[in-house]
């Protein structure tokens, strides 16, 4: 198994995983066009878990903005057939480590306010809520904006 930087050829696999993992009534999914643009954009950091038998079975995706010290973690999903193998945790750790190596000083993210599981998980990793946005998601749920300061990699 390999975690690697994704490219345009991975778009179909990422779209398939996203469609299987997220309910469009609760989340805004990437259009194929937007996903292709993200995969071609150097400011978009996308990583995939590539399994020798199953192909791409997980991804993490985030964005940077010129002149900002933070990296925005946007999405992570794992093919439901591969759940429970630690793939999501490995992809997230890789995303944070890449952010540190690239010199970012913090990672920011957004989660649904009703997702207690993710809130607890991110808080255990050192993320803290800095803002709540009411009515953010398609079904009206609020969004928690969270941030974690990361240490720059020394290697």
N, C-alpha and C. Protein backbone atom coordinates (compact mmCIF):
# COMPACT_ATOMS: atom_id res chain seq x y z
N UNK A 1 0.83 -1.17 0.00
CA UNK A 1 0.00 0.00 0.00
C UNK A 1 0.88 1.24 0.00
N UNK A 2 0.44 2.26 -0.71
CA UNK A 2 1.21 3.48 -0.88
C UNK A 2 0.32 4.69 -0.73
N UNK A 3 0.80 5.70 0.00
CA UNK A 3 0.16 7.01 -0.03
C UNK A 3 1.01 7.86 -0.96
N UNK A 4 0.35 8.45 -1.94
CA UNK A 4 1.07 9.25 -2.93
C UNK A 4 0.26 10.48 -3.31
N UNK A 5 0.94 11.44 -3.91
CA UNK A 5 0.26 12.63 -4.41
C UNK A 5 -0.64 12.21 -5.58
N UNK A 6 -1.87 12.68 -5.59
CA UNK A 6 -2.82 12.33 -6.65
C UNK A 6 -2.62 13.22 -7.86
N UNK A 7 -3.06 12.73 -8.99
CA UNK A 7 -3.02 13.50 -10.22
C UNK A 7 -4.31 13.33 -10.99
N UNK A 8 -4.44 14.00 -12.13
CA UNK A 8 -5.67 13.92 -12.92
C UNK A 8 -6.17 12.50 -13.21
N UNK A 9 -5.29 11.51 -13.43
CA UNK A 9 -5.82 10.16 -13.69
C UNK A 9 -6.57 9.54 -12.51
N UNK A 10 -6.41 10.12 -11.30
CA UNK A 10 -7.08 9.57 -10.11
C UNK A 10 -8.49 10.13 -9.92
N UNK A 11 -8.91 11.05 -10.77
CA UNK A 11 -10.19 11.73 -10.59
C UNK A 11 -11.39 10.81 -10.52
N UNK A 12 -11.47 9.83 -11.41
CA UNK A 12 -12.63 8.93 -11.40
C UNK A 12 -12.71 8.13 -10.10
N UNK A 13 -11.57 7.64 -9.63
CA UNK A 13 -11.55 6.87 -8.38
C UNK A 13 -11.95 7.74 -7.19
N UNK A 14 -11.45 8.97 -7.14
CA UNK A 14 -11.81 9.87 -6.05
C UNK A 14 -13.31 10.19 -6.10
N UNK A 15 -13.84 10.46 -7.26
CA UNK A 15 -15.27 10.75 -7.41
C UNK A 15 -16.11 9.55 -6.96
N UNK A 16 -15.69 8.35 -7.30
CA UNK A 16 -16.41 7.14 -6.90
C UNK A 16 -16.40 6.99 -5.39
N UNK A 17 -15.24 7.20 -4.77
CA UNK A 17 -15.13 7.07 -3.32
C UNK A 17 -15.99 8.13 -2.63
N UNK A 18 -15.92 9.36 -3.11
CA UNK A 18 -16.69 10.45 -2.51
C UNK A 18 -18.19 10.15 -2.60
N UNK A 19 -18.65 9.68 -3.75
CA UNK A 19 -20.08 9.38 -3.93
C UNK A 19 -20.53 8.26 -2.99
N UNK A 20 -19.66 7.30 -2.73
CA UNK A 20 -20.00 6.20 -1.83
C UNK A 20 -19.95 6.62 -0.36
N UNK A 21 -19.15 7.61 -0.04
CA UNK A 21 -18.92 7.97 1.36
C UNK A 21 -19.82 9.09 1.88
N UNK A 22 -20.28 9.99 1.01
CA UNK A 22 -21.01 11.18 1.47
C UNK A 22 -22.42 11.23 0.91
N UNK A 23 -23.35 11.60 1.77
CA UNK A 23 -24.75 11.79 1.39
C UNK A 23 -24.91 13.20 0.82
N UNK A 24 -25.30 13.34 -0.46
CA UNK A 24 -25.42 14.67 -1.06
C UNK A 24 -26.49 15.55 -0.41
N UNK A 25 -27.39 14.98 0.38
CA UNK A 25 -28.36 15.80 1.10
C UNK A 25 -27.71 16.49 2.30
N UNK A 26 -26.55 15.97 2.71
CA UNK A 26 -25.86 16.53 3.88
C UNK A 26 -24.55 17.23 3.52
N UNK A 27 -23.98 16.90 2.37
CA UNK A 27 -22.69 17.46 1.96
C UNK A 27 -22.74 17.88 0.49
N UNK A 28 -21.96 18.89 0.16
CA UNK A 28 -21.82 19.31 -1.24
C UNK A 28 -20.67 18.49 -1.83
N UNK A 29 -20.97 17.69 -2.85
CA UNK A 29 -19.96 16.85 -3.48
C UNK A 29 -19.28 17.63 -4.62
N UNK A 30 -18.05 17.24 -4.91
CA UNK A 30 -17.34 17.86 -6.03
C UNK A 30 -17.98 17.44 -7.35
N UNK A 31 -18.12 18.37 -8.26
CA UNK A 31 -18.48 18.00 -9.62
C UNK A 31 -17.23 17.40 -10.26
N UNK A 32 -17.38 16.63 -11.31
CA UNK A 32 -16.22 16.06 -12.00
C UNK A 32 -15.30 17.18 -12.50
N UNK A 33 -15.91 18.24 -12.99
CA UNK A 33 -15.12 19.38 -13.51
C UNK A 33 -14.30 20.04 -12.41
N UNK A 34 -14.92 20.27 -11.24
CA UNK A 34 -14.21 20.90 -10.13
C UNK A 34 -13.10 19.98 -9.60
N UNK A 35 -13.40 18.70 -9.53
CA UNK A 35 -12.40 17.74 -9.07
C UNK A 35 -11.20 17.72 -10.02
N UNK A 36 -11.46 17.71 -11.32
CA UNK A 36 -10.37 17.73 -12.30
C UNK A 36 -9.53 19.00 -12.16
N UNK A 37 -10.18 20.13 -11.94
CA UNK A 37 -9.45 21.39 -11.75
C UNK A 37 -8.60 21.34 -10.49
N UNK A 38 -9.13 20.77 -9.42
CA UNK A 38 -8.36 20.65 -8.18
C UNK A 38 -7.14 19.76 -8.37
N UNK A 39 -7.31 18.65 -9.08
CA UNK A 39 -6.19 17.73 -9.27
C UNK A 39 -5.09 18.34 -10.13
N UNK A 40 -5.43 19.29 -10.95
CA UNK A 40 -4.43 19.95 -11.80
C UNK A 40 -3.83 21.19 -11.13
N UNK A 41 -4.39 21.61 -10.02
CA UNK A 41 -3.97 22.84 -9.35
C UNK A 41 -2.87 22.55 -8.32
N UNK A 42 -1.68 23.15 -8.45
CA UNK A 42 -0.61 22.88 -7.49
C UNK A 42 -0.92 23.37 -6.08
N UNK A 43 -1.87 24.29 -5.92
CA UNK A 43 -2.26 24.77 -4.59
C UNK A 43 -3.20 23.79 -3.88
N UNK A 44 -3.68 22.81 -4.61
CA UNK A 44 -4.55 21.78 -4.04
C UNK A 44 -3.68 20.57 -3.72
N UNK A 45 -3.70 20.15 -2.48
CA UNK A 45 -2.89 19.03 -2.04
C UNK A 45 -3.82 17.82 -1.88
N UNK A 46 -3.67 16.86 -2.79
CA UNK A 46 -4.52 15.67 -2.79
C UNK A 46 -3.62 14.45 -2.71
N UNK A 47 -3.95 13.57 -1.78
CA UNK A 47 -3.19 12.32 -1.61
C UNK A 47 -4.16 11.15 -1.71
N UNK A 48 -3.67 10.05 -2.25
CA UNK A 48 -4.49 8.84 -2.35
C UNK A 48 -3.76 7.67 -1.71
N UNK A 49 -4.57 6.74 -1.22
CA UNK A 49 -4.09 5.45 -0.73
C UNK A 49 -4.27 4.50 -1.89
N UNK A 50 -3.16 3.99 -2.40
CA UNK A 50 -3.17 3.12 -3.56
C UNK A 50 -2.86 1.70 -3.11
N UNK A 51 -3.83 0.83 -3.21
CA UNK A 51 -3.70 -0.56 -2.80
C UNK A 51 -3.37 -1.41 -4.02
N UNK A 52 -2.38 -2.29 -3.93
CA UNK A 52 -2.01 -3.07 -5.12
C UNK A 52 -3.12 -3.96 -5.66
N UNK A 53 -4.05 -4.37 -4.81
CA UNK A 53 -5.13 -5.25 -5.27
C UNK A 53 -6.42 -4.49 -5.61
N UNK A 54 -6.70 -3.41 -4.89
CA UNK A 54 -7.97 -2.71 -5.06
C UNK A 54 -7.84 -1.37 -5.78
N UNK A 55 -6.65 -0.89 -6.00
CA UNK A 55 -6.45 0.42 -6.62
C UNK A 55 -6.61 1.52 -5.59
N UNK A 56 -7.02 2.69 -6.03
CA UNK A 56 -7.20 3.84 -5.12
C UNK A 56 -8.44 3.59 -4.27
N UNK A 57 -8.23 3.56 -2.95
CA UNK A 57 -9.35 3.26 -2.04
C UNK A 57 -9.52 4.33 -0.97
N UNK A 58 -8.79 5.41 -1.05
CA UNK A 58 -8.97 6.50 -0.10
C UNK A 58 -8.27 7.74 -0.60
N UNK A 59 -8.74 8.89 -0.14
CA UNK A 59 -8.09 10.15 -0.52
C UNK A 59 -8.22 11.17 0.59
N UNK A 60 -7.31 12.13 0.59
CA UNK A 60 -7.42 13.33 1.43
C UNK A 60 -7.15 14.51 0.51
N UNK A 61 -7.80 15.64 0.81
CA UNK A 61 -7.73 16.79 -0.08
C UNK A 61 -7.73 18.07 0.74
N UNK A 62 -6.86 18.99 0.37
CA UNK A 62 -6.82 20.28 1.03
C UNK A 62 -6.33 21.36 0.09
N UNK A 63 -6.48 22.61 0.54
CA UNK A 63 -6.14 23.76 -0.29
C UNK A 63 -5.20 24.70 0.46
N UNK A 64 -4.33 25.34 -0.29
CA UNK A 64 -3.53 26.43 0.27
C UNK A 64 -3.84 27.69 -0.51
N UNK A 65 -3.54 28.82 0.11
CA UNK A 65 -3.69 30.11 -0.56
C UNK A 65 -2.38 30.84 -0.45
N UNK A 66 -1.99 31.45 -1.54
CA UNK A 66 -0.74 32.20 -1.57
C UNK A 66 -0.72 33.24 -0.43
N UNK A 67 0.38 33.25 0.30
CA UNK A 67 0.56 34.23 1.35
C UNK A 67 -0.05 33.84 2.69
N UNK A 68 -0.73 32.71 2.76
CA UNK A 68 -1.34 32.27 4.01
C UNK A 68 -0.44 31.22 4.67
N UNK A 69 -0.37 31.24 5.98
CA UNK A 69 0.44 30.27 6.70
C UNK A 69 -0.30 29.00 7.03
N UNK A 70 -1.58 28.93 6.66
CA UNK A 70 -2.36 27.75 6.97
C UNK A 70 -2.71 26.95 5.72
N UNK A 71 -2.99 25.69 5.96
CA UNK A 71 -3.46 24.78 4.91
C UNK A 71 -4.87 24.34 5.32
N UNK A 72 -5.82 24.44 4.41
CA UNK A 72 -7.19 24.05 4.70
C UNK A 72 -7.42 22.61 4.32
N UNK A 73 -7.67 21.78 5.32
CA UNK A 73 -8.05 20.39 5.09
C UNK A 73 -9.52 20.40 4.69
N UNK A 74 -9.84 19.81 3.54
CA UNK A 74 -11.19 19.91 3.02
C UNK A 74 -11.97 18.60 3.08
N UNK A 75 -11.34 17.51 2.69
CA UNK A 75 -12.10 16.27 2.58
C UNK A 75 -11.20 15.05 2.71
N UNK A 76 -11.79 14.00 3.25
CA UNK A 76 -11.12 12.70 3.34
C UNK A 76 -12.21 11.65 3.25
N UNK A 77 -11.98 10.63 2.46
CA UNK A 77 -12.95 9.53 2.38
C UNK A 77 -12.21 8.25 2.03
N UNK A 78 -12.80 7.15 2.50
CA UNK A 78 -12.25 5.81 2.24
C UNK A 78 -13.37 4.97 1.64
N UNK A 79 -13.03 4.20 0.64
CA UNK A 79 -13.97 3.28 0.02
C UNK A 79 -14.60 2.43 1.13
N UNK A 80 -15.94 2.34 1.18
CA UNK A 80 -16.58 1.55 2.23
C UNK A 80 -16.09 0.10 2.32
N UNK A 81 -15.61 -0.46 1.21
CA UNK A 81 -15.09 -1.84 1.24
C UNK A 81 -13.79 -1.95 2.03
N UNK A 82 -13.14 -0.81 2.29
CA UNK A 82 -11.84 -0.83 2.97
C UNK A 82 -11.89 -0.19 4.36
N UNK A 83 -13.07 0.09 4.87
CA UNK A 83 -13.22 0.71 6.19
C UNK A 83 -12.63 -0.19 7.27
N UNK A 84 -12.15 0.45 8.32
CA UNK A 84 -11.64 -0.28 9.47
C UNK A 84 -10.20 -0.73 9.36
N UNK A 85 -9.49 -0.31 8.34
CA UNK A 85 -8.10 -0.72 8.15
C UNK A 85 -7.11 0.37 8.54
N UNK A 86 -7.59 1.51 9.07
CA UNK A 86 -6.71 2.60 9.47
C UNK A 86 -6.29 3.50 8.33
N UNK A 87 -6.92 3.36 7.19
CA UNK A 87 -6.55 4.14 6.00
C UNK A 87 -6.83 5.62 6.21
N UNK A 88 -7.99 5.95 6.75
CA UNK A 88 -8.33 7.35 7.00
C UNK A 88 -7.35 8.01 7.95
N UNK A 89 -7.01 7.32 9.03
CA UNK A 89 -6.04 7.87 9.98
C UNK A 89 -4.68 8.09 9.32
N UNK A 90 -4.25 7.12 8.52
CA UNK A 90 -2.95 7.24 7.85
C UNK A 90 -2.96 8.40 6.85
N UNK A 91 -4.05 8.55 6.10
CA UNK A 91 -4.13 9.65 5.15
C UNK A 91 -4.12 11.00 5.86
N UNK A 92 -4.81 11.10 6.99
CA UNK A 92 -4.83 12.37 7.72
C UNK A 92 -3.47 12.69 8.32
N UNK A 93 -2.81 11.70 8.91
CA UNK A 93 -1.45 11.92 9.45
C UNK A 93 -0.50 12.35 8.34
N UNK A 94 -0.64 11.73 7.17
CA UNK A 94 0.21 12.09 6.04
C UNK A 94 -0.07 13.53 5.61
N UNK A 95 -1.33 13.93 5.59
CA UNK A 95 -1.71 15.29 5.22
C UNK A 95 -1.07 16.30 6.18
N UNK A 96 -1.17 16.05 7.48
CA UNK A 96 -0.57 16.95 8.46
C UNK A 96 0.95 17.00 8.32
N UNK A 97 1.58 15.85 8.13
CA UNK A 97 3.04 15.81 7.98
C UNK A 97 3.48 16.56 6.72
N UNK A 98 2.73 16.41 5.65
CA UNK A 98 3.05 17.14 4.43
C UNK A 98 2.92 18.65 4.65
N UNK A 99 1.90 19.06 5.39
CA UNK A 99 1.72 20.49 5.70
C UNK A 99 2.93 21.03 6.47
N UNK A 100 3.39 20.27 7.44
CA UNK A 100 4.56 20.69 8.21
C UNK A 100 5.80 20.77 7.32
N UNK A 101 6.01 19.75 6.48
CA UNK A 101 7.18 19.76 5.58
C UNK A 101 7.13 20.94 4.62
N UNK A 102 5.93 21.34 4.22
CA UNK A 102 5.77 22.45 3.27
C UNK A 102 5.87 23.82 3.96
N UNK A 103 5.99 23.82 5.29
CA UNK A 103 6.18 25.07 6.01
C UNK A 103 4.92 25.75 6.50
N UNK A 104 3.77 25.09 6.42
CA UNK A 104 2.55 25.69 6.95
C UNK A 104 2.61 25.70 8.48
N UNK A 105 2.02 26.72 9.09
CA UNK A 105 2.05 26.84 10.55
C UNK A 105 0.79 26.29 11.22
N UNK A 106 -0.26 26.10 10.43
CA UNK A 106 -1.47 25.52 11.00
C UNK A 106 -2.29 24.84 9.91
N UNK A 107 -3.17 23.97 10.38
CA UNK A 107 -4.14 23.32 9.51
C UNK A 107 -5.52 23.73 10.03
N UNK A 108 -6.39 24.14 9.12
CA UNK A 108 -7.77 24.46 9.49
C UNK A 108 -8.69 23.47 8.80
N UNK A 109 -9.86 23.27 9.38
CA UNK A 109 -10.84 22.34 8.80
C UNK A 109 -12.23 22.74 9.25
N UNK A 110 -13.22 22.16 8.60
CA UNK A 110 -14.62 22.40 8.91
C UNK A 110 -15.33 21.06 9.04
N UNK A 111 -16.19 20.97 10.05
CA UNK A 111 -17.00 19.76 10.20
C UNK A 111 -18.43 20.15 10.55
N UNK A 112 -19.32 19.23 10.34
CA UNK A 112 -20.71 19.44 10.73
C UNK A 112 -20.78 19.49 12.26
N UNK A 113 -21.59 20.41 12.78
CA UNK A 113 -21.75 20.54 14.23
C UNK A 113 -22.37 19.28 14.83
N UNK A 114 -23.16 18.55 14.05
CA UNK A 114 -23.81 17.35 14.59
C UNK A 114 -22.93 16.09 14.49
N UNK A 115 -21.70 16.24 14.01
CA UNK A 115 -20.82 15.08 13.88
C UNK A 115 -19.92 14.98 15.11
N UNK A 116 -20.47 14.45 16.17
CA UNK A 116 -19.75 14.33 17.45
C UNK A 116 -18.50 13.45 17.31
N UNK A 117 -18.61 12.41 16.49
CA UNK A 117 -17.47 11.50 16.29
C UNK A 117 -16.25 12.26 15.78
N UNK A 118 -16.43 13.05 14.70
CA UNK A 118 -15.30 13.81 14.15
C UNK A 118 -14.85 14.92 15.10
N UNK A 119 -15.78 15.57 15.75
CA UNK A 119 -15.41 16.63 16.70
C UNK A 119 -14.48 16.05 17.78
N UNK A 120 -14.88 14.93 18.37
CA UNK A 120 -14.06 14.29 19.40
C UNK A 120 -12.70 13.86 18.85
N UNK A 121 -12.71 13.31 17.63
CA UNK A 121 -11.47 12.84 17.02
C UNK A 121 -10.50 14.00 16.79
N UNK A 122 -11.00 15.09 16.18
CA UNK A 122 -10.12 16.22 15.90
C UNK A 122 -9.66 16.91 17.18
N UNK A 123 -10.52 17.01 18.18
CA UNK A 123 -10.10 17.60 19.45
C UNK A 123 -8.99 16.77 20.09
N UNK A 124 -9.09 15.44 19.99
CA UNK A 124 -8.04 14.57 20.53
C UNK A 124 -6.71 14.76 19.80
N UNK A 125 -6.78 15.22 18.55
CA UNK A 125 -5.56 15.49 17.77
C UNK A 125 -5.05 16.92 17.96
N UNK A 126 -5.73 17.70 18.80
CA UNK A 126 -5.26 19.05 19.09
C UNK A 126 -5.98 20.17 18.38
N UNK A 127 -7.04 19.88 17.65
CA UNK A 127 -7.81 20.91 16.95
C UNK A 127 -8.78 21.57 17.92
N UNK A 128 -8.97 22.88 17.77
CA UNK A 128 -9.88 23.64 18.61
C UNK A 128 -10.84 24.45 17.74
N UNK A 129 -12.10 24.52 18.15
CA UNK A 129 -13.10 25.29 17.43
C UNK A 129 -12.81 26.78 17.60
N UNK A 130 -12.76 27.51 16.49
CA UNK A 130 -12.56 28.95 16.57
C UNK A 130 -13.75 29.73 16.03
N UNK A 131 -14.71 29.03 15.39
CA UNK A 131 -15.87 29.72 14.86
C UNK A 131 -16.98 28.71 14.57
N UNK A 132 -18.23 29.12 14.76
CA UNK A 132 -19.40 28.32 14.41
C UNK A 132 -20.19 29.12 13.37
N UNK A 133 -20.56 28.45 12.26
CA UNK A 133 -21.33 29.10 11.21
C UNK A 133 -22.67 28.37 11.11
N UNK A 134 -23.74 29.06 11.49
CA UNK A 134 -25.08 28.46 11.43
C UNK A 134 -25.54 28.30 9.99
N UNK A 135 -26.34 27.24 9.74
CA UNK A 135 -26.97 27.04 8.43
C UNK A 135 -26.00 26.82 7.28
N UNK A 136 -24.86 26.25 7.54
CA UNK A 136 -23.79 26.13 6.57
C UNK A 136 -24.01 25.01 5.54
N UNK A 137 -24.52 23.87 6.00
CA UNK A 137 -24.66 22.70 5.14
C UNK A 137 -26.01 22.67 4.44
N UNK A 138 -26.14 21.88 3.34
CA UNK A 138 -27.39 21.87 2.56
C UNK A 138 -28.65 21.59 3.39
N UNK A 139 -28.51 20.80 4.46
CA UNK A 139 -29.68 20.49 5.28
C UNK A 139 -29.86 21.48 6.43
N UNK A 140 -29.04 22.55 6.47
CA UNK A 140 -29.18 23.58 7.48
C UNK A 140 -28.32 23.41 8.71
N UNK A 141 -27.58 22.31 8.82
CA UNK A 141 -26.74 22.11 10.00
C UNK A 141 -25.63 23.14 10.04
N UNK A 142 -25.18 23.44 11.25
CA UNK A 142 -24.08 24.39 11.45
C UNK A 142 -22.74 23.74 11.16
N UNK A 143 -21.76 24.59 10.97
CA UNK A 143 -20.38 24.17 10.70
C UNK A 143 -19.50 24.61 11.85
N UNK A 144 -18.62 23.72 12.29
CA UNK A 144 -17.58 24.08 13.25
C UNK A 144 -16.29 24.28 12.48
N UNK A 145 -15.69 25.43 12.61
CA UNK A 145 -14.38 25.69 12.00
C UNK A 145 -13.34 25.45 13.09
N UNK A 146 -12.37 24.59 12.77
CA UNK A 146 -11.38 24.18 13.76
C UNK A 146 -9.97 24.46 13.23
N UNK A 147 -9.04 24.63 14.15
CA UNK A 147 -7.64 24.95 13.78
C UNK A 147 -6.69 24.22 14.73
N UNK A 148 -5.54 23.87 14.16
CA UNK A 148 -4.45 23.28 14.95
C UNK A 148 -3.15 23.90 14.48
N UNK A 149 -2.33 24.34 15.42
CA UNK A 149 -0.99 24.81 15.10
C UNK A 149 -0.11 23.59 14.93
N UNK A 150 0.69 23.60 13.87
CA UNK A 150 1.58 22.46 13.62
C UNK A 150 3.02 22.94 13.65
N UNK A 151 3.89 22.05 14.00
CA UNK A 151 5.31 22.38 14.03
C UNK A 151 5.92 22.12 12.67
N UNK A 152 6.77 23.02 12.24
CA UNK A 152 7.46 22.84 10.96
C UNK A 152 8.39 21.63 11.06
N UNK A 153 8.47 20.88 10.02
CA UNK A 153 9.35 19.71 9.99
C UNK A 153 10.80 20.19 9.95
N UNK A 154 11.66 19.47 10.65
CA UNK A 154 13.07 19.85 10.69
C UNK A 154 13.89 19.10 9.66
N UNK A 155 13.32 18.09 9.06
CA UNK A 155 14.07 17.31 8.06
C UNK A 155 13.78 17.77 6.67
